[in-house]
Amino acid sequence: MLPHNQALNRVHSKTQKPVIALVGELNILIPMAGLIDKAPTDVIEKEKAKLADLRSTLNNLKQQKTKIQAL
């Protein structure tokens, strides 16, 4: 027999992966399917643009760090 959390993971992996919260030795699995409605397309696109900007900023900062370390 599978441990309880592995059995739950198998059930939920067929639909949508649950969010897992670790509290001490306790794993809390929260199924997310049906809990959050899909965001409108324009909101998704704005968030994707923000993510792209943040990734670009992070890349620039990494390059600057490398240059500073080389000094």
PDB file of N, CA and C in Angstrom:
ATOM      1  N   MET A   1       0.843  -1.184   0.000  1.00  0.00           N
ATOM      2  CA  MET A   1       0.000   0.000   0.000  1.00  0.00           C
ATOM      3  C   MET A   1       0.887   1.246   0.000  1.00  0.00           C
ATOM      4  N   LEU A   2       0.503   2.245  -0.757  1.00  0.00           N
ATOM      5  CA  LEU A   2       1.267   3.490  -0.858  1.00  0.00           C
ATOM      6  C   LEU A   2       1.077   4.336   0.391  1.00  0.00           C
ATOM      7  N   PRO A   3       2.116   5.084   0.750  1.00  0.00           N
ATOM      8  CA  PRO A   3       1.900   6.080   1.813  1.00  0.00           C
ATOM      9  C   PRO A   3       0.791   7.030   1.384  1.00  0.00           C
ATOM     10  N   HIS A   4       0.118   7.607   2.354  1.00  0.00           N
ATOM     11  CA  HIS A   4      -1.060   8.442   2.096  1.00  0.00           C
ATOM     12  C   HIS A   4      -0.790   9.544   1.075  1.00  0.00           C
ATOM     13  N   ASN A   5       0.325  10.267   1.226  1.00  0.00           N
ATOM     14  CA  ASN A   5       0.578  11.393   0.317  1.00  0.00           C
ATOM     15  C   ASN A   5       0.855  10.925  -1.104  1.00  0.00           C
ATOM     16  N   GLN A   6       1.495   9.761  -1.283  1.00  0.00           N
ATOM     17  CA  GLN A   6       1.733   9.261  -2.636  1.00  0.00           C
ATOM     18  C   GLN A   6       0.428   8.829  -3.290  1.00  0.00           C
ATOM     19  N   ALA A   7      -0.460   8.239  -2.503  1.00  0.00           N
ATOM     20  CA  ALA A   7      -1.758   7.844  -3.040  1.00  0.00           C
ATOM     21  C   ALA A   7      -2.535   9.068  -3.503  1.00  0.00           C
ATOM     22  N   LEU A   8      -2.508  10.142  -2.717  1.00  0.00           N
ATOM     23  CA  LEU A   8      -3.199  11.370  -3.116  1.00  0.00           C
ATOM     24  C   LEU A   8      -2.573  11.975  -4.360  1.00  0.00           C
ATOM     25  N   ASN A   9      -1.233  11.944  -4.438  1.00  0.00           N
ATOM     26  CA  ASN A   9      -0.568  12.484  -5.622  1.00  0.00           C
ATOM     27  C   ASN A   9      -1.001  11.743  -6.873  1.00  0.00           C
ATOM     28  N   ARG A  10      -1.164  10.445  -6.778  1.00  0.00           N
ATOM     29  CA  ARG A  10      -1.592   9.676  -7.948  1.00  0.00           C
ATOM     30  C   ARG A  10      -3.004  10.059  -8.368  1.00  0.00           C
ATOM     31  N   VAL A  11      -3.874  10.247  -7.421  1.00  0.00           N
ATOM     32  CA  VAL A  11      -5.245  10.633  -7.738  1.00  0.00           C
ATOM     33  C   VAL A  11      -5.271  11.999  -8.405  1.00  0.00           C
ATOM     34  N   HIS A  12      -4.555  12.974  -7.828  1.00  0.00           N
ATOM     35  CA  HIS A  12      -4.588  14.339  -8.345  1.00  0.00           C
ATOM     36  C   HIS A  12      -3.767  14.518  -9.615  1.00  0.00           C
ATOM     37  N   SER A  13      -2.764  13.671  -9.842  1.00  0.00           N
ATOM     38  CA  SER A  13      -1.932  13.849 -11.025  1.00  0.00           C
ATOM     39  C   SER A  13      -2.717  13.574 -12.300  1.00  0.00           C
ATOM     40  N   LYS A  14      -3.842  12.876 -12.181  1.00  0.00           N
ATOM     41  CA  LYS A  14      -4.662  12.622 -13.360  1.00  0.00           C
ATOM     42  C   LYS A  14      -5.422  13.869 -13.794  1.00  0.00           C
ATOM     43  N   THR A  15      -5.637  14.786 -12.885  1.00  0.00           N
ATOM     44  CA  THR A  15      -6.369  16.007 -13.225  1.00  0.00           C
ATOM     45  C   THR A  15      -5.422  17.197 -13.218  1.00  0.00           C
ATOM     46  N   GLN A  16      -5.172  17.739 -12.065  1.00  0.00           N
ATOM     47  CA  GLN A  16      -4.267  18.876 -11.930  1.00  0.00           C
ATOM     48  C   GLN A  16      -3.476  18.684 -10.653  1.00  0.00           C
ATOM     49  N   LYS A  17      -2.197  19.013 -10.694  1.00  0.00           N
ATOM     50  CA  LYS A  17      -1.359  18.816  -9.521  1.00  0.00           C
ATOM     51  C   LYS A  17      -1.826  19.709  -8.373  1.00  0.00           C
ATOM     52  N   PRO A  18      -1.814  19.149  -7.169  1.00  0.00           N
ATOM     53  CA  PRO A  18      -2.218  19.941  -6.009  1.00  0.00           C
ATOM     54  C   PRO A  18      -1.082  20.837  -5.537  1.00  0.00           C
ATOM     55  N   VAL A  19      -1.433  21.823  -4.762  1.00  0.00           N
ATOM     56  CA  VAL A  19      -0.442  22.637  -4.070  1.00  0.00           C
ATOM     57  C   VAL A  19      -0.086  21.869  -2.808  1.00  0.00           C
ATOM     58  N   ILE A  20       1.194  21.792  -2.506  1.00  0.00           N
ATOM     59  CA  ILE A  20       1.634  21.056  -1.326  1.00  0.00           C
ATOM     60  C   ILE A  20       2.211  22.041  -0.323  1.00  0.00           C
ATOM     61  N   ALA A  21       1.679  22.004   0.883  1.00  0.00           N
ATOM     62  CA  ALA A  21       2.189  22.830   1.977  1.00  0.00           C
ATOM     63  C   ALA A  21       2.838  21.895   2.989  1.00  0.00           C
ATOM     64  N   LEU A  22       4.050  22.218   3.409  1.00  0.00           N
ATOM     65  CA  LEU A  22       4.748  21.418   4.397  1.00  0.00           C
ATOM     66  C   LEU A  22       4.676  22.124   5.741  1.00  0.00           C
ATOM     67  N   VAL A  23       4.134  21.448   6.721  1.00  0.00           N
ATOM     68  CA  VAL A  23       4.029  21.984   8.076  1.00  0.00           C
ATOM     69  C   VAL A  23       4.663  20.950   8.993  1.00  0.00           C
ATOM     70  N   GLY A  24       5.910  21.211   9.380  1.00  0.00           N
ATOM     71  CA  GLY A  24       6.632  20.202  10.153  1.00  0.00           C
ATOM     72  C   GLY A  24       6.782  18.953   9.313  1.00  0.00           C
ATOM     73  N   GLU A  25       6.301  17.839   9.810  1.00  0.00           N
ATOM     74  CA  GLU A  25       6.345  16.590   9.052  1.00  0.00           C
ATOM     75  C   GLU A  25       5.039  16.324   8.322  1.00  0.00           C
ATOM     76  N   LEU A  26       4.120  17.246   8.383  1.00  0.00           N
ATOM     77  CA  LEU A  26       2.802  17.081   7.782  1.00  0.00           C
ATOM     78  C   LEU A  26       2.785  17.684   6.380  1.00  0.00           C
ATOM     79  N   ASN A  27       2.375  16.902   5.394  1.00  0.00           N
ATOM     80  CA  ASN A  27       2.175  17.386   4.024  1.00  0.00           C
ATOM     81  C   ASN A  27       0.694  17.660   3.833  1.00  0.00           C
ATOM     82  N   ILE A  28       0.357  18.875   3.463  1.00  0.00           N
ATOM     83  CA  ILE A  28      -1.037  19.223   3.200  1.00  0.00           C
ATOM     84  C   ILE A  28      -1.180  19.385   1.691  1.00  0.00           C
ATOM     85  N   LEU A  29      -2.039  18.580   1.090  1.00  0.00           N
ATOM     86  CA  LEU A  29      -2.261  18.620  -0.351  1.00  0.00           C
ATOM     87  C   LEU A  29      -3.588  19.314  -0.621  1.00  0.00           C
ATOM     88  N   ILE A  30      -3.543  20.377  -1.412  1.00  0.00           N
ATOM     89  CA  ILE A  30      -4.748  21.134  -1.727  1.00  0.00           C
ATOM     90  C   ILE A  30      -4.989  21.038  -3.226  1.00  0.00           C
ATOM     91  N   PRO A  31      -6.021  20.302  -3.648  1.00  0.00           N
ATOM     92  CA  PRO A  31      -6.290  20.202  -5.083  1.00  0.00           C
ATOM     93  C   PRO A  31      -6.724  21.562  -5.629  1.00  0.00           C
ATOM     94  N   MET A  32      -6.109  21.988  -6.711  1.00  0.00           N
ATOM     95  CA  MET A  32      -6.386  23.318  -7.251  1.00  0.00           C
ATOM     96  C   MET A  32      -7.417  23.312  -8.377  1.00  0.00           C
ATOM     97  N   ALA A  33      -7.703  22.143  -8.929  1.00  0.00           N
ATOM     98  CA  ALA A  33      -8.657  22.075 -10.038  1.00  0.00           C
ATOM     99  C   ALA A  33      -9.996  22.663  -9.624  1.00  0.00           C
ATOM    100  N   GLY A  34     -10.466  23.617 -10.369  1.00  0.00           N
ATOM    101  CA  GLY A  34     -11.766  24.206 -10.114  1.00  0.00           C
ATOM    102  C   GLY A  34     -11.783  25.296  -9.054  1.00  0.00           C
ATOM    103  N   LEU A  35     -10.657  25.538  -8.389  1.00  0.00           N
ATOM    104  CA  LEU A  35     -10.634  26.552  -7.347  1.00  0.00           C
ATOM    105  C   LEU A  35     -10.346  27.943  -7.888  1.00  0.00           C
ATOM    106  N   ILE A  36      -9.611  28.003  -8.979  1.00  0.00           N
ATOM    107  CA  ILE A  36      -9.213  29.295  -9.528  1.00  0.00           C
ATOM    108  C   ILE A  36      -9.680  29.376 -10.977  1.00  0.00           C
ATOM    109  N   ASP A  37     -10.449  30.392 -11.300  1.00  0.00           N
ATOM    110  CA  ASP A  37     -10.893  30.585 -12.675  1.00  0.00           C
ATOM    111  C   ASP A  37      -9.724  31.068 -13.519  1.00  0.00           C
ATOM    112  N   LYS A  38      -9.767  30.742 -14.788  1.00  0.00           N
ATOM    113  CA  LYS A  38      -8.723  31.204 -15.704  1.00  0.00           C
ATOM    114  C   LYS A  38      -8.830  32.717 -15.869  1.00  0.00           C
ATOM    115  N   ALA A  39      -7.686  33.369 -15.875  1.00  0.00           N
ATOM    116  CA  ALA A  39      -7.646  34.818 -16.040  1.00  0.00           C
ATOM    117  C   ALA A  39      -7.966  35.189 -17.487  1.00  0.00           C
ATOM    118  N   PRO A  40      -8.498  36.395 -17.701  1.00  0.00           N
ATOM    119  CA  PRO A  40      -8.747  36.864 -19.071  1.00  0.00           C
ATOM    120  C   PRO A  40      -7.441  36.956 -19.854  1.00  0.00           C
ATOM    121  N   THR A  41      -7.539  36.789 -21.152  1.00  0.00           N
ATOM    122  CA  THR A  41      -6.372  36.774 -22.024  1.00  0.00           C
ATOM    123  C   THR A  41      -5.515  38.019 -21.875  1.00  0.00           C
ATOM    124  N   ASP A  42      -6.130  39.205 -21.776  1.00  0.00           N
ATOM    125  CA  ASP A  42      -5.341  40.431 -21.669  1.00  0.00           C
ATOM    126  C   ASP A  42      -4.535  40.460 -20.374  1.00  0.00           C
ATOM    127  N   VAL A  43      -5.101  39.928 -19.297  1.00  0.00           N
ATOM    128  CA  VAL A  43      -4.377  39.876 -18.024  1.00  0.00           C
ATOM    129  C   VAL A  43      -3.190  38.911 -18.141  1.00  0.00           C
ATOM    130  N   ILE A  44      -3.419  37.775 -18.768  1.00  0.00           N
ATOM    131  CA  ILE A  44      -2.342  36.800 -18.953  1.00  0.00           C
ATOM    132  C   ILE A  44      -1.208  37.403 -19.767  1.00  0.00           C
ATOM    133  N   GLU A  45      -1.562  38.106 -20.842  1.00  0.00           N
ATOM    134  CA  GLU A  45      -0.537  38.715 -21.702  1.00  0.00           C
ATOM    135  C   GLU A  45       0.264  39.779 -20.947  1.00  0.00           C
ATOM    136  N   LYS A  46      -0.405  40.581 -20.121  1.00  0.00           N
ATOM    137  CA  LYS A  46       0.302  41.592 -19.328  1.00  0.00           C
ATOM    138  C   LYS A  46       1.265  40.937 -18.349  1.00  0.00           C
ATOM    139  N   GLU A  47       0.829  39.859 -17.727  1.00  0.00           N
ATOM    140  CA  GLU A  47       1.693  39.156 -16.771  1.00  0.00           C
ATOM    141  C   GLU A  47       2.871  38.502 -17.474  1.00  0.00           C
ATOM    142  N   LYS A  48       2.653  37.977 -18.672  1.00  0.00           N
ATOM    143  CA  LYS A  48       3.753  37.400 -19.455  1.00  0.00           C
ATOM    144  C   LYS A  48       4.764  38.481 -19.822  1.00  0.00           C
ATOM    145  N   ALA A  49       4.276  39.673 -20.154  1.00  0.00           N
ATOM    146  CA  ALA A  49       5.177  40.786 -20.478  1.00  0.00           C
ATOM    147  C   ALA A  49       5.985  41.201 -19.256  1.00  0.00           C
ATOM    148  N   LYS A  50       5.329  41.248 -18.090  1.00  0.00           N
ATOM    149  CA  LYS A  50       6.045  41.573 -16.848  1.00  0.00           C
ATOM    150  C   LYS A  50       7.127  40.540 -16.570  1.00  0.00           C
ATOM    151  N   LEU A  51       6.782  39.268 -16.768  1.00  0.00           N
ATOM    152  CA  LEU A  51       7.740  38.192 -16.540  1.00  0.00           C
ATOM    153  C   LEU A  51       8.937  38.318 -17.481  1.00  0.00           C
ATOM    154  N   ALA A  52       8.675  38.630 -18.737  1.00  0.00           N
ATOM    155  CA  ALA A  52       9.765  38.808 -19.705  1.00  0.00           C
ATOM    156  C   ALA A  52      10.664  39.970 -19.294  1.00  0.00           C
ATOM    157  N   ASP A  53      10.073  41.070 -18.833  1.00  0.00           N
ATOM    158  CA  ASP A  53      10.854  42.220 -18.375  1.00  0.00           C
ATOM    159  C   ASP A  53      11.712  41.854 -17.159  1.00  0.00           C
ATOM    160  N   LEU A  54      11.119  41.131 -16.224  1.00  0.00           N
ATOM    161  CA  LEU A  54      11.870  40.730 -15.030  1.00  0.00           C
ATOM    162  C   LEU A  54      13.009  39.785 -15.374  1.00  0.00           C
ATOM    163  N   ARG A  55      12.774  38.874 -16.309  1.00  0.00           N
ATOM    164  CA  ARG A  55      13.844  37.959 -16.735  1.00  0.00           C
ATOM    165  C   ARG A  55      14.976  38.733 -17.412  1.00  0.00           C
ATOM    166  N   SER A  56      14.623  39.724 -18.196  1.00  0.00           N
ATOM    167  CA  SER A  56      15.629  40.547 -18.856  1.00  0.00           C
ATOM    168  C   SER A  56      16.441  41.332 -17.823  1.00  0.00           C
ATOM    169  N   THR A  57      15.752  41.910 -16.849  1.00  0.00           N
ATOM    170  CA  THR A  57      16.425  42.643 -15.778  1.00  0.00           C
ATOM    171  C   THR A  57      17.357  41.721 -15.006  1.00  0.00           C
ATOM    172  N   LEU A  58      16.888  40.525 -14.693  1.00  0.00           N
ATOM    173  CA  LEU A  58      17.709  39.557 -13.971  1.00  0.00           C
ATOM    174  C   LEU A  58      18.949  39.198 -14.782  1.00  0.00           C
ATOM    175  N   ASN A  59      18.784  38.987 -16.063  1.00  0.00           N
ATOM    176  CA  ASN A  59      19.917  38.659 -16.928  1.00  0.00           C
ATOM    177  C   ASN A  59      20.925  39.802 -16.940  1.00  0.00           C
ATOM    178  N   ASN A  60      20.451  41.034 -17.044  1.00  0.00           N
ATOM    179  CA  ASN A  60      21.343  42.203 -17.030  1.00  0.00           C
ATOM    180  C   ASN A  60      22.092  42.307 -15.701  1.00  0.00           C
ATOM    181  N   LEU A  61      21.394  42.052 -14.602  1.00  0.00           N
ATOM    182  CA  LEU A  61      22.036  42.111 -13.288  1.00  0.00           C
ATOM    183  C   LEU A  61      23.105  41.024 -13.145  1.00  0.00           C
ATOM    184  N   LYS A  62      22.827  39.851 -13.673  1.00  0.00           N
ATOM    185  CA  LYS A  62      23.820  38.769 -13.629  1.00  0.00           C
ATOM    186  C   LYS A  62      25.072  39.157 -14.428  1.00  0.00           C
ATOM    187  N   GLN A  63      24.852  39.785 -15.584  1.00  0.00           N
ATOM    188  CA  GLN A  63      25.990  40.222 -16.400  1.00  0.00           C
ATOM    189  C   GLN A  63      26.794  41.293 -15.671  1.00  0.00           C
ATOM    190  N   GLN A  64      26.112  42.227 -15.038  1.00  0.00           N
ATOM    191  CA  GLN A  64      26.803  43.275 -14.278  1.00  0.00           C
ATOM    192  C   GLN A  64      27.596  42.685 -13.118  1.00  0.00           C
ATOM    193  N   LYS A  65      27.009  41.711 -12.451  1.00  0.00           N
ATOM    194  CA  LYS A  65      27.688  41.044 -11.334  1.00  0.00           C
ATOM    195  C   LYS A  65      28.965  40.378 -11.817  1.00  0.00           C
ATOM    196  N   THR A  66      28.884  39.708 -12.955  1.00  0.00           N
ATOM    197  CA  THR A  66      30.063  39.043 -13.526  1.00  0.00           C
ATOM    198  C   THR A  66      31.154  40.067 -13.839  1.00  0.00           C
ATOM    199  N   LYS A  67      30.772  41.203 -14.406  1.00  0.00           N
ATOM    200  CA  LYS A  67      31.745  42.254 -14.741  1.00  0.00           C
ATOM    201  C   LYS A  67      32.380  42.824 -13.476  1.00  0.00           C
ATOM    202  N   ILE A  68      31.569  43.037 -12.458  1.00  0.00           N
ATOM    203  CA  ILE A  68      32.091  43.585 -11.192  1.00  0.00           C
ATOM    204  C   ILE A  68      33.050  42.610 -10.539  1.00  0.00           C
ATOM    205  N   GLN A  69      32.706  41.325 -10.567  1.00  0.00           N
ATOM    206  CA  GLN A  69      33.574  40.309  -9.966  1.00  0.00           C
ATOM    207  C   GLN A  69      34.907  40.193 -10.689  1.00  0.00           C
ATOM    208  N   ALA A  70      34.901  40.536 -11.974  1.00  0.00           N
ATOM    209  CA  ALA A  70      36.122  40.447 -12.766  1.00  0.00           C
ATOM    210  C   ALA A  70      37.073  41.607 -12.499  1.00  0.00           C
ATOM    211  N   LEU A  71      36.599  42.654 -11.846  1.00  0.00           N
ATOM    212  CA  LEU A  71      37.447  43.835 -11.582  1.00  0.00           C
ATOM    213  C   LEU A  71      38.518  43.527 -10.550  1.00  0.00           C
TER     214      LEU A  71
END
